[in-house]
């Protein structure tokens, strides 16, 4: 997958998170960012990887998001890795 494709998956995931009140509130509380912080850092691969990691860390959220985006959960995990997520976790 190209970097652009991975970024698109991550940005679509952001859109989904922000549309879901409970998910959005939990993301904001756990990440410590507000909407302005998020908006200003969306071009950074580390931000996009962090957003995907938030989903990966809760399987129901991962599955719901994958379903909403019409992608396999594995595509979200692959995008996370391609954007720098999981560095040092190659097992």
N, C-alpha and C. Protein backbone atom coordinates (compact mmCIF):
# COMPACT_ATOMS: atom_id res chain seq x y z
N UNK A 1 0.84 -1.19 0.00
CA UNK A 1 0.00 0.00 0.00
C UNK A 1 0.87 1.24 0.00
N UNK A 2 0.45 2.26 -0.71
CA UNK A 2 1.21 3.49 -0.75
C UNK A 2 0.97 4.32 0.51
N UNK A 3 1.91 5.23 0.77
CA UNK A 3 1.76 6.10 1.93
C UNK A 3 0.48 6.90 1.84
N UNK A 4 0.16 7.37 0.64
CA UNK A 4 -1.09 8.13 0.46
C UNK A 4 -2.30 7.30 0.87
N UNK A 5 -2.31 6.04 0.48
CA UNK A 5 -3.43 5.16 0.81
C UNK A 5 -3.55 4.98 2.33
N UNK A 6 -2.42 4.81 2.98
CA UNK A 6 -2.41 4.65 4.43
C UNK A 6 -2.90 5.92 5.13
N UNK A 7 -2.48 7.06 4.62
CA UNK A 7 -2.93 8.33 5.18
C UNK A 7 -4.43 8.51 4.98
N UNK A 8 -4.93 8.09 3.83
CA UNK A 8 -6.37 8.18 3.56
C UNK A 8 -7.15 7.33 4.55
N UNK A 9 -6.69 6.11 4.80
CA UNK A 9 -7.36 5.25 5.79
C UNK A 9 -7.37 5.94 7.15
N UNK A 10 -6.23 6.49 7.54
CA UNK A 10 -6.15 7.16 8.85
C UNK A 10 -7.07 8.37 8.91
N UNK A 11 -7.11 9.17 7.86
CA UNK A 11 -7.97 10.35 7.86
C UNK A 11 -9.45 9.96 7.86
N UNK A 12 -9.78 8.90 7.15
CA UNK A 12 -11.16 8.40 7.20
C UNK A 12 -11.50 7.93 8.60
N UNK A 13 -10.54 7.30 9.27
CA UNK A 13 -10.76 6.85 10.65
C UNK A 13 -10.99 8.05 11.57
N UNK A 14 -10.25 9.13 11.36
CA UNK A 14 -10.46 10.35 12.15
C UNK A 14 -11.89 10.83 11.96
N UNK A 15 -12.32 10.88 10.72
CA UNK A 15 -13.69 11.33 10.44
C UNK A 15 -14.71 10.46 11.15
N UNK A 16 -14.50 9.16 11.13
CA UNK A 16 -15.43 8.25 11.80
C UNK A 16 -15.42 8.49 13.31
N UNK A 17 -14.24 8.59 13.89
CA UNK A 17 -14.13 8.82 15.33
C UNK A 17 -14.87 10.09 15.72
N UNK A 18 -14.67 11.15 14.97
CA UNK A 18 -15.27 12.44 15.32
C UNK A 18 -16.79 12.44 15.16
N UNK A 19 -17.32 11.55 14.36
CA UNK A 19 -18.77 11.46 14.18
C UNK A 19 -19.45 10.66 15.27
N UNK A 20 -18.69 9.86 15.99
CA UNK A 20 -19.24 9.00 17.04
C UNK A 20 -19.00 9.66 18.40
N UNK A 21 -20.04 10.18 19.01
CA UNK A 21 -19.88 10.96 20.24
C UNK A 21 -19.08 10.23 21.32
N UNK A 22 -19.44 9.02 21.63
CA UNK A 22 -18.77 8.28 22.70
C UNK A 22 -17.32 7.99 22.33
N UNK A 23 -17.09 7.57 21.11
CA UNK A 23 -15.75 7.27 20.64
C UNK A 23 -14.89 8.53 20.63
N UNK A 24 -15.45 9.61 20.13
CA UNK A 24 -14.73 10.90 20.08
C UNK A 24 -14.35 11.35 21.49
N UNK A 25 -15.30 11.30 22.40
CA UNK A 25 -15.04 11.76 23.77
C UNK A 25 -13.96 10.91 24.43
N UNK A 26 -14.00 9.59 24.20
CA UNK A 26 -12.99 8.72 24.79
C UNK A 26 -11.62 8.98 24.17
N UNK A 27 -11.59 9.18 22.85
CA UNK A 27 -10.32 9.49 22.19
C UNK A 27 -9.73 10.79 22.74
N UNK A 28 -10.55 11.81 22.85
CA UNK A 28 -10.06 13.11 23.35
C UNK A 28 -9.57 12.98 24.79
N UNK A 29 -10.30 12.24 25.61
CA UNK A 29 -9.91 12.08 27.01
C UNK A 29 -8.61 11.29 27.14
N UNK A 30 -8.48 10.21 26.39
CA UNK A 30 -7.30 9.37 26.50
C UNK A 30 -6.07 9.99 25.85
N UNK A 31 -6.27 10.71 24.77
CA UNK A 31 -5.13 11.29 24.05
C UNK A 31 -4.70 12.63 24.63
N UNK A 32 -5.62 13.32 25.28
CA UNK A 32 -5.29 14.63 25.83
C UNK A 32 -5.28 15.74 24.80
N UNK A 33 -5.73 15.46 23.58
CA UNK A 33 -5.77 16.50 22.55
C UNK A 33 -7.19 17.06 22.45
N UNK A 34 -7.27 18.28 21.95
CA UNK A 34 -8.58 18.82 21.64
C UNK A 34 -8.69 18.92 20.12
N UNK A 35 -9.82 19.37 19.64
CA UNK A 35 -10.06 19.39 18.19
C UNK A 35 -9.03 20.26 17.48
N UNK A 36 -8.66 21.39 18.06
CA UNK A 36 -7.68 22.28 17.43
C UNK A 36 -6.31 21.61 17.34
N UNK A 37 -5.89 20.93 18.41
CA UNK A 37 -4.62 20.20 18.38
C UNK A 37 -4.64 19.13 17.30
N UNK A 38 -5.74 18.42 17.25
CA UNK A 38 -5.88 17.35 16.27
C UNK A 38 -5.82 17.92 14.85
N UNK A 39 -6.56 18.95 14.61
CA UNK A 39 -6.62 19.57 13.29
C UNK A 39 -5.22 20.03 12.84
N UNK A 40 -4.47 20.63 13.75
CA UNK A 40 -3.16 21.17 13.38
C UNK A 40 -2.10 20.09 13.17
N UNK A 41 -2.34 18.88 13.65
CA UNK A 41 -1.31 17.84 13.54
C UNK A 41 -1.69 16.71 12.59
N UNK A 42 -2.78 16.84 11.87
CA UNK A 42 -3.23 15.74 11.01
C UNK A 42 -2.28 15.41 9.87
N UNK A 43 -1.39 16.30 9.53
CA UNK A 43 -0.43 16.03 8.47
C UNK A 43 0.78 15.23 8.94
N UNK A 44 0.86 14.96 10.22
CA UNK A 44 2.01 14.25 10.78
C UNK A 44 1.73 12.75 10.85
N UNK A 45 2.61 11.94 10.26
CA UNK A 45 2.41 10.49 10.32
C UNK A 45 2.27 9.97 11.74
N UNK A 46 2.98 10.56 12.69
CA UNK A 46 2.89 10.08 14.07
C UNK A 46 1.50 10.30 14.66
N UNK A 47 0.86 11.39 14.28
CA UNK A 47 -0.52 11.64 14.74
C UNK A 47 -1.46 10.62 14.14
N UNK A 48 -1.30 10.38 12.84
CA UNK A 48 -2.18 9.43 12.16
C UNK A 48 -1.97 8.02 12.73
N UNK A 49 -0.72 7.66 13.00
CA UNK A 49 -0.44 6.34 13.59
C UNK A 49 -1.06 6.25 14.97
N UNK A 50 -1.00 7.32 15.75
CA UNK A 50 -1.58 7.31 17.10
C UNK A 50 -3.09 7.13 17.06
N UNK A 51 -3.72 7.74 16.10
CA UNK A 51 -5.17 7.61 15.95
C UNK A 51 -5.54 6.16 15.63
N UNK A 52 -4.78 5.56 14.73
CA UNK A 52 -5.05 4.16 14.39
C UNK A 52 -4.75 3.24 15.56
N UNK A 53 -3.70 3.56 16.31
CA UNK A 53 -3.37 2.75 17.48
C UNK A 53 -4.50 2.79 18.51
N UNK A 54 -5.13 3.95 18.67
CA UNK A 54 -6.28 4.06 19.56
C UNK A 54 -7.34 3.04 19.18
N UNK A 55 -7.60 2.89 17.89
CA UNK A 55 -8.60 1.93 17.42
C UNK A 55 -8.13 0.50 17.61
N UNK A 56 -6.87 0.25 17.30
CA UNK A 56 -6.32 -1.09 17.39
C UNK A 56 -6.34 -1.60 18.83
N UNK A 57 -6.21 -0.71 19.77
CA UNK A 57 -6.17 -1.11 21.18
C UNK A 57 -7.53 -1.51 21.74
N UNK A 58 -8.57 -1.36 20.96
CA UNK A 58 -9.91 -1.78 21.39
C UNK A 58 -10.57 -2.48 20.22
N UNK A 59 -10.57 -3.80 20.25
CA UNK A 59 -11.04 -4.58 19.10
C UNK A 59 -12.44 -4.20 18.62
N UNK A 60 -13.42 -3.97 19.50
CA UNK A 60 -14.73 -3.57 18.99
C UNK A 60 -14.68 -2.25 18.21
N UNK A 61 -13.86 -1.30 18.67
CA UNK A 61 -13.71 -0.05 17.93
C UNK A 61 -13.06 -0.28 16.57
N UNK A 62 -12.03 -1.13 16.56
CA UNK A 62 -11.36 -1.47 15.31
C UNK A 62 -12.34 -2.09 14.32
N UNK A 63 -13.11 -3.05 14.79
CA UNK A 63 -14.05 -3.73 13.90
C UNK A 63 -15.16 -2.80 13.42
N UNK A 64 -15.68 -1.97 14.31
CA UNK A 64 -16.72 -1.01 13.92
C UNK A 64 -16.21 -0.02 12.89
N UNK A 65 -14.99 0.46 13.12
CA UNK A 65 -14.41 1.44 12.19
C UNK A 65 -14.13 0.79 10.84
N UNK A 66 -13.57 -0.40 10.85
CA UNK A 66 -13.31 -1.10 9.60
C UNK A 66 -14.60 -1.31 8.82
N UNK A 67 -15.64 -1.69 9.51
CA UNK A 67 -16.94 -1.88 8.86
C UNK A 67 -17.45 -0.57 8.27
N UNK A 68 -17.36 0.50 9.03
CA UNK A 68 -17.84 1.80 8.56
C UNK A 68 -17.04 2.30 7.36
N UNK A 69 -15.74 2.00 7.35
CA UNK A 69 -14.88 2.45 6.24
C UNK A 69 -14.87 1.47 5.08
N UNK A 70 -15.52 0.33 5.27
CA UNK A 70 -15.57 -0.73 4.26
C UNK A 70 -14.17 -1.23 3.90
N UNK A 71 -13.37 -1.45 4.95
CA UNK A 71 -12.04 -2.04 4.79
C UNK A 71 -11.91 -3.18 5.79
N UNK A 72 -10.95 -4.03 5.56
CA UNK A 72 -10.68 -5.10 6.53
C UNK A 72 -9.91 -4.50 7.71
N UNK A 73 -10.12 -5.04 8.90
CA UNK A 73 -9.35 -4.55 10.05
C UNK A 73 -7.84 -4.63 9.80
N UNK A 74 -7.43 -5.64 9.04
CA UNK A 74 -6.01 -5.81 8.72
C UNK A 74 -5.47 -4.61 7.94
N UNK A 75 -6.32 -3.96 7.15
CA UNK A 75 -5.88 -2.78 6.40
C UNK A 75 -5.58 -1.62 7.34
N UNK A 76 -6.36 -1.51 8.41
CA UNK A 76 -6.11 -0.46 9.40
C UNK A 76 -4.81 -0.74 10.12
N UNK A 77 -4.58 -2.00 10.49
CA UNK A 77 -3.33 -2.38 11.16
C UNK A 77 -2.14 -2.14 10.22
N UNK A 78 -2.29 -2.50 8.95
CA UNK A 78 -1.20 -2.29 7.98
C UNK A 78 -0.91 -0.80 7.81
N UNK A 79 -1.95 0.02 7.77
CA UNK A 79 -1.76 1.47 7.66
C UNK A 79 -1.03 2.00 8.89
N UNK A 80 -1.42 1.51 10.06
CA UNK A 80 -0.76 1.91 11.32
C UNK A 80 0.73 1.61 11.26
N UNK A 81 1.06 0.41 10.84
CA UNK A 81 2.48 0.02 10.74
C UNK A 81 3.21 0.89 9.70
N UNK A 82 2.58 1.11 8.56
CA UNK A 82 3.21 1.88 7.49
C UNK A 82 3.46 3.33 7.91
N UNK A 83 2.62 3.84 8.80
CA UNK A 83 2.77 5.22 9.28
C UNK A 83 3.70 5.31 10.50
N UNK A 84 4.33 4.20 10.86
CA UNK A 84 5.30 4.22 11.94
C UNK A 84 4.83 3.60 13.23
N UNK A 85 3.61 3.10 13.26
CA UNK A 85 3.10 2.47 14.46
C UNK A 85 3.75 1.12 14.70
N UNK A 86 3.96 0.80 15.95
CA UNK A 86 4.49 -0.49 16.31
C UNK A 86 5.98 -0.66 16.09
N UNK A 87 6.68 0.46 15.87
CA UNK A 87 8.13 0.34 15.70
C UNK A 87 8.74 -0.34 16.91
N UNK A 88 9.61 -1.29 16.66
CA UNK A 88 10.25 -2.03 17.74
C UNK A 88 9.41 -3.20 18.23
N UNK A 89 8.26 -3.42 17.61
CA UNK A 89 7.39 -4.52 18.03
C UNK A 89 7.35 -5.62 16.99
N UNK A 90 8.41 -5.75 16.23
CA UNK A 90 8.46 -6.80 15.20
C UNK A 90 8.76 -8.13 15.89
N UNK A 91 7.74 -8.98 16.02
CA UNK A 91 7.92 -10.26 16.67
C UNK A 91 7.76 -11.36 15.68
